[in-house]
């Protein structure tokens, strides 16, 4: 697994697909405390048509976990360090929760963002209630319980093997409590309402109708506040609805990226 450096902080990332492709790569940004496993359903579908890059946020997985609290600017600098290490100028960003906020901040402050695809994201930090997402990596029962708040009851009941796979991935690669708290601290002063007009990249905002961590109305407000924002509903799923609705989401992402490339 390659490593990029932002000062003294080492950032582990994975890179797949054709690095020589004419299209900008897709960079996936996980939610608070979650490892790159989060984007496995999208990674499998988009790698090939596009090069894909996933990195462990500082405080998560094999990336360094310097003392917190972290700021959104720290994560944006980490993003730029990963792209620099990959010799990539710009990318399509796909983020969830905290990852969505990082993507917004990167789109505003850098020239490295082609498009944004945001899941379970809001324009203000007080709209995020991510506590239920956390579970100690060494407590598999707590991990299973936390998944019941972000995945539908139908998915949990009908896809036990997928759920157990997620439990395994979380036990191996998620952040501990200190890393998670350092990450979510970046949302405490987050308020993009006054500068959303500066984010002019084409943006799709997706939200599960049953998201209990970030209210869907906050997602709608985010899309309305973006000059080129569009809102997409994921019916009857929660915060991680892109896992359950992966086929539909992947088709929409591919169509979105390809349309921007053709234009």
Protein backbone atom coordinates (compact mmCIF):
# COMPACT_ATOMS: atom_id res chain seq x y z
CA UNK A 1 0.00 0.00 0.00
CA UNK A 2 1.64 3.30 -1.06
CA UNK A 3 2.27 6.11 1.40
CA UNK A 4 2.04 9.87 0.93
CA UNK A 5 3.46 12.38 3.40
CA UNK A 6 1.99 15.64 4.65
CA UNK A 7 4.82 16.98 6.77
CA UNK A 8 5.44 14.34 9.42
CA UNK A 9 2.11 12.57 8.84
CA UNK A 10 2.17 9.42 6.71
CA UNK A 11 -1.01 8.65 4.77
CA UNK A 12 -1.67 5.19 3.39
CA UNK A 13 -3.72 4.89 0.24
CA UNK A 14 -4.65 2.38 -2.45
CA UNK A 15 -4.64 3.13 -6.15
CA UNK A 16 -6.22 0.95 -8.82
CA UNK A 17 -6.97 1.18 -12.52
CA UNK A 18 -5.21 2.83 -15.44
CA UNK A 19 -3.07 5.72 -14.22
CA UNK A 20 -2.47 6.74 -17.86
CA UNK A 21 -6.19 7.18 -18.63
CA UNK A 22 -7.35 10.48 -20.09
CA UNK A 23 -10.07 10.85 -17.47
CA UNK A 24 -9.55 12.32 -14.02
CA UNK A 25 -9.43 9.64 -11.29
CA UNK A 26 -12.09 9.14 -8.64
CA UNK A 27 -10.99 9.77 -5.06
CA UNK A 28 -13.13 8.28 -2.28
CA UNK A 29 -13.17 9.98 1.14
CA UNK A 30 -14.55 7.90 4.05
CA UNK A 31 -16.74 9.08 6.91
CA UNK A 32 -15.41 9.69 10.40
CA UNK A 33 -13.56 6.69 11.80
CA UNK A 34 -14.28 4.40 8.87
CA UNK A 35 -11.67 2.75 6.70
CA UNK A 36 -11.49 2.51 2.94
CA UNK A 37 -13.71 -0.62 3.07
CA UNK A 38 -16.64 1.83 3.06
CA UNK A 39 -16.31 2.35 -0.69
CA UNK A 40 -15.82 -1.28 -1.70
CA UNK A 41 -19.14 -1.46 -3.54
CA UNK A 42 -18.34 1.68 -5.58
CA UNK A 43 -14.64 0.90 -5.99
CA UNK A 44 -15.38 -2.39 -7.73
CA UNK A 45 -17.75 -0.77 -10.24
CA UNK A 46 -15.75 2.37 -11.03
CA UNK A 47 -12.26 0.88 -11.28
CA UNK A 48 -11.70 0.21 -14.95
CA UNK A 49 -13.74 3.03 -16.43
CA UNK A 50 -11.77 5.27 -14.06
CA UNK A 51 -8.65 5.10 -11.95
CA UNK A 52 -9.66 5.01 -8.28
CA UNK A 53 -7.87 6.21 -5.15
CA UNK A 54 -8.90 5.58 -1.54
CA UNK A 55 -6.91 6.85 1.43
CA UNK A 56 -7.15 6.25 5.15
CA UNK A 57 -7.85 9.56 6.87
CA UNK A 58 -5.32 10.60 9.49
CA UNK A 59 -6.39 8.79 12.65
CA UNK A 60 -7.72 5.76 10.74
CA UNK A 61 -6.25 2.44 9.65
CA UNK A 62 -2.63 2.47 8.57
CA UNK A 63 -2.35 6.24 8.30
CA UNK A 64 -0.66 8.06 11.17
CA UNK A 65 -2.78 9.28 14.07
CA UNK A 66 -1.14 12.47 15.37
CA UNK A 67 -2.71 14.04 18.47
CA UNK A 68 -5.97 15.85 17.71
CA UNK A 69 -8.11 17.74 17.32
CA UNK A 70 -7.92 17.86 13.51
CA UNK A 71 -9.18 20.63 11.28
CA UNK A 72 -10.76 20.38 7.85
CA UNK A 73 -7.70 22.17 6.49
CA UNK A 74 -5.56 19.25 7.76
CA UNK A 75 -7.63 16.81 5.71
CA UNK A 76 -7.56 19.03 2.64
CA UNK A 77 -3.77 19.22 2.88
CA UNK A 78 -3.70 15.41 3.23
CA UNK A 79 -5.84 15.12 0.09
CA UNK A 80 -3.42 17.31 -1.83
CA UNK A 81 -0.47 15.27 -0.54
CA UNK A 82 -2.06 12.06 -1.81
CA UNK A 83 -2.75 13.56 -5.25
CA UNK A 84 0.79 14.92 -5.42
CA UNK A 85 2.22 11.51 -4.54
CA UNK A 86 0.07 10.01 -7.32
CA UNK A 87 1.16 12.74 -9.76
CA UNK A 88 -2.51 13.60 -10.31
CA UNK A 89 -3.64 17.16 -10.99
CA UNK A 90 -7.34 16.88 -10.15
CA UNK A 91 -10.02 14.30 -9.38
CA UNK A 92 -13.69 13.53 -8.97
CA UNK A 93 -14.37 13.44 -5.22
CA UNK A 94 -16.85 11.08 -3.58
CA UNK A 95 -17.38 11.62 0.15
CA UNK A 96 -19.72 10.62 2.94
CA UNK A 97 -20.44 12.53 6.15
CA UNK A 98 -17.14 14.00 7.34
CA UNK A 99 -15.71 12.92 3.98
CA UNK A 100 -18.34 15.06 2.26
CA UNK A 101 -17.36 18.08 4.34
CA UNK A 102 -13.71 17.49 3.45
CA UNK A 103 -14.65 17.31 -0.23
CA UNK A 104 -16.55 20.60 -0.01
CA UNK A 105 -13.61 22.30 1.71
CA UNK A 106 -11.21 20.96 -0.93
CA UNK A 107 -13.46 22.18 -3.73
CA UNK A 108 -13.50 25.65 -2.24
CA UNK A 109 -9.81 26.02 -1.40
CA UNK A 110 -8.01 24.07 -4.13
CA UNK A 111 -8.09 23.73 -7.91
CA UNK A 112 -7.91 19.94 -7.70
CA UNK A 113 -11.62 19.07 -7.75
CA UNK A 114 -13.49 18.23 -10.97
CA UNK A 115 -16.84 17.16 -9.47
CA UNK A 116 -18.36 16.36 -6.11
CA UNK A 117 -20.59 13.43 -5.15
CA UNK A 118 -21.70 13.79 -1.54
CA UNK A 119 -23.58 11.27 0.59
CA UNK A 120 -25.16 12.06 3.96
CA UNK A 121 -23.58 15.51 4.00
CA UNK A 122 -24.75 18.88 5.33
CA UNK A 123 -23.49 22.45 5.13
CA UNK A 124 -23.05 22.91 8.90
CA UNK A 125 -21.35 20.84 11.56
CA UNK A 126 -24.33 20.94 13.92
CA UNK A 127 -26.37 18.93 11.38
CA UNK A 128 -24.11 15.89 11.82
CA UNK A 129 -24.87 13.41 14.63
CA UNK A 130 -22.14 10.85 14.03
CA UNK A 131 -21.81 9.41 17.54
CA UNK A 132 -23.93 6.37 16.64
CA UNK A 133 -21.51 5.58 13.82
CA UNK A 134 -18.62 4.88 16.19
CA UNK A 135 -17.85 1.45 17.62
CA UNK A 136 -14.59 0.26 19.23
CA UNK A 137 -12.71 -1.86 16.67
CA UNK A 138 -12.13 -4.54 19.31
CA UNK A 139 -15.84 -4.87 20.19
CA UNK A 140 -17.57 -6.84 17.43
CA UNK A 141 -20.96 -6.73 19.16
CA UNK A 142 -20.78 -2.93 19.35
CA UNK A 143 -19.85 -2.81 15.67
CA UNK A 144 -22.90 -4.91 14.74
CA UNK A 145 -25.13 -2.70 16.89
CA UNK A 146 -23.78 0.48 15.27
CA UNK A 147 -24.50 -0.93 11.81
CA UNK A 148 -28.17 -1.16 12.71
CA UNK A 149 -28.26 2.65 12.84
CA UNK A 150 -26.80 3.19 9.37
CA UNK A 151 -28.17 0.21 7.39
CA UNK A 152 -31.80 -0.76 6.95
CA UNK A 153 -33.33 -3.61 8.94
CA UNK A 154 -34.13 -5.36 5.65
CA UNK A 155 -30.47 -5.29 4.58
CA UNK A 156 -29.20 -6.49 7.97
CA UNK A 157 -31.71 -9.37 7.95
CA UNK A 158 -31.32 -10.39 4.31
CA UNK A 159 -27.56 -9.91 3.88
CA UNK A 160 -25.94 -11.51 6.96
CA UNK A 161 -22.75 -12.41 5.07
CA UNK A 162 -22.30 -8.82 3.87
CA UNK A 163 -22.90 -7.51 7.37
CA UNK A 164 -20.37 -9.95 8.84
CA UNK A 165 -17.86 -8.87 6.20
CA UNK A 166 -18.36 -5.24 7.23
CA UNK A 167 -17.84 -6.22 10.88
CA UNK A 168 -14.54 -7.87 9.93
CA UNK A 169 -13.37 -4.86 7.93
CA UNK A 170 -14.29 -2.45 10.69
CA UNK A 171 -12.50 -4.55 13.29
CA UNK A 172 -9.35 -4.48 11.14
CA UNK A 173 -9.28 -0.92 9.85
CA UNK A 174 -11.50 1.56 11.69
CA UNK A 175 -10.27 4.31 14.02
CA UNK A 176 -10.11 3.92 17.76
CA UNK A 177 -11.91 6.39 20.02
CA UNK A 178 -9.05 8.92 20.11
CA UNK A 179 -8.73 8.93 16.33
CA UNK A 180 -12.48 9.22 15.84
CA UNK A 181 -12.79 12.13 18.29
CA UNK A 182 -9.87 13.92 16.64
CA UNK A 183 -11.62 13.58 13.28
CA UNK A 184 -15.13 14.67 14.25
CA UNK A 185 -13.63 17.73 15.97
CA UNK A 186 -13.15 19.10 12.44
CA UNK A 187 -16.93 19.48 12.17
CA UNK A 188 -17.36 21.56 15.33
CA UNK A 189 -16.81 24.91 13.59
CA UNK A 190 -17.83 23.78 10.11
CA UNK A 191 -20.28 26.19 8.49
CA UNK A 192 -20.26 26.40 4.72
CA UNK A 193 -23.51 28.31 4.30
CA UNK A 194 -21.82 31.61 3.48
CA UNK A 195 -19.31 30.15 1.01
CA UNK A 196 -21.27 27.46 -0.81
CA UNK A 197 -21.63 29.89 -3.72
CA UNK A 198 -17.85 29.58 -4.19
CA UNK A 199 -18.15 25.84 -4.84
CA UNK A 200 -18.92 25.97 -8.56
CA UNK A 201 -18.01 22.39 -9.48
CA UNK A 202 -20.87 20.14 -10.66
CA UNK A 203 -22.20 18.45 -7.52
CA UNK A 204 -24.58 15.61 -6.78
CA UNK A 205 -25.90 15.39 -3.23
CA UNK A 206 -27.35 11.97 -2.36
CA UNK A 207 -29.27 11.23 0.82
CA UNK A 208 -31.02 8.21 2.28
CA UNK A 209 -34.59 8.99 3.30
CA UNK A 210 -34.03 7.16 6.60
CA UNK A 211 -30.68 8.76 7.49
CA UNK A 212 -30.74 9.25 11.27
CA UNK A 213 -27.24 10.74 11.46
CA UNK A 214 -27.73 13.63 9.02
CA UNK A 215 -31.28 14.79 8.31
CA UNK A 216 -32.23 14.51 4.63
CA UNK A 217 -33.58 18.07 4.76
CA UNK A 218 -30.02 19.22 5.51
CA UNK A 219 -28.90 17.44 2.34
CA UNK A 220 -31.60 19.16 0.33
CA UNK A 221 -30.56 22.53 1.74
CA UNK A 222 -26.94 21.80 0.82
CA UNK A 223 -27.89 21.01 -2.77
CA UNK A 224 -29.99 24.19 -3.02
CA UNK A 225 -27.10 26.29 -1.75
CA UNK A 226 -24.63 25.02 -4.35
CA UNK A 227 -24.56 26.84 -7.70
CA UNK A 228 -24.48 23.54 -9.61
CA UNK A 229 -25.93 21.22 -6.99
CA UNK A 230 -28.50 18.50 -7.65
CA UNK A 231 -30.24 16.40 -5.02
CA UNK A 232 -30.81 12.66 -5.33
CA UNK A 233 -32.99 10.54 -3.03
CA UNK A 234 -32.06 7.02 -1.91
CA UNK A 235 -35.35 5.53 -0.80
CA UNK A 236 -35.77 3.60 2.46
CA UNK A 237 -32.09 3.50 3.40
CA UNK A 238 -29.97 5.20 6.02
CA UNK A 239 -26.64 6.99 6.24
CA UNK A 240 -24.70 4.32 4.33
CA UNK A 241 -27.40 3.84 1.72
CA UNK A 242 -24.87 3.72 -1.10
CA UNK A 243 -23.96 0.23 0.12
CA UNK A 244 -27.55 -1.01 -0.12
CA UNK A 245 -28.37 0.84 -3.33
CA UNK A 246 -24.96 0.25 -4.86
CA UNK A 247 -26.13 -0.74 -8.33
CA UNK A 248 -28.27 2.38 -8.72
CA UNK A 249 -25.65 4.63 -7.13
CA UNK A 250 -22.85 3.23 -9.26
CA UNK A 251 -24.84 3.77 -12.45
CA UNK A 252 -25.52 7.37 -11.43
CA UNK A 253 -21.89 8.03 -10.56
CA UNK A 254 -20.62 6.56 -13.82
CA UNK A 255 -23.12 8.58 -15.83
CA UNK A 256 -22.22 11.74 -13.93
CA UNK A 257 -18.47 11.38 -14.40
CA UNK A 258 -18.74 10.35 -18.04
CA UNK A 259 -21.04 13.28 -18.86
CA UNK A 260 -18.58 15.71 -17.34
CA UNK A 261 -15.71 14.13 -19.29
CA UNK A 262 -17.62 14.40 -22.56
CA UNK A 263 -18.50 18.03 -21.91
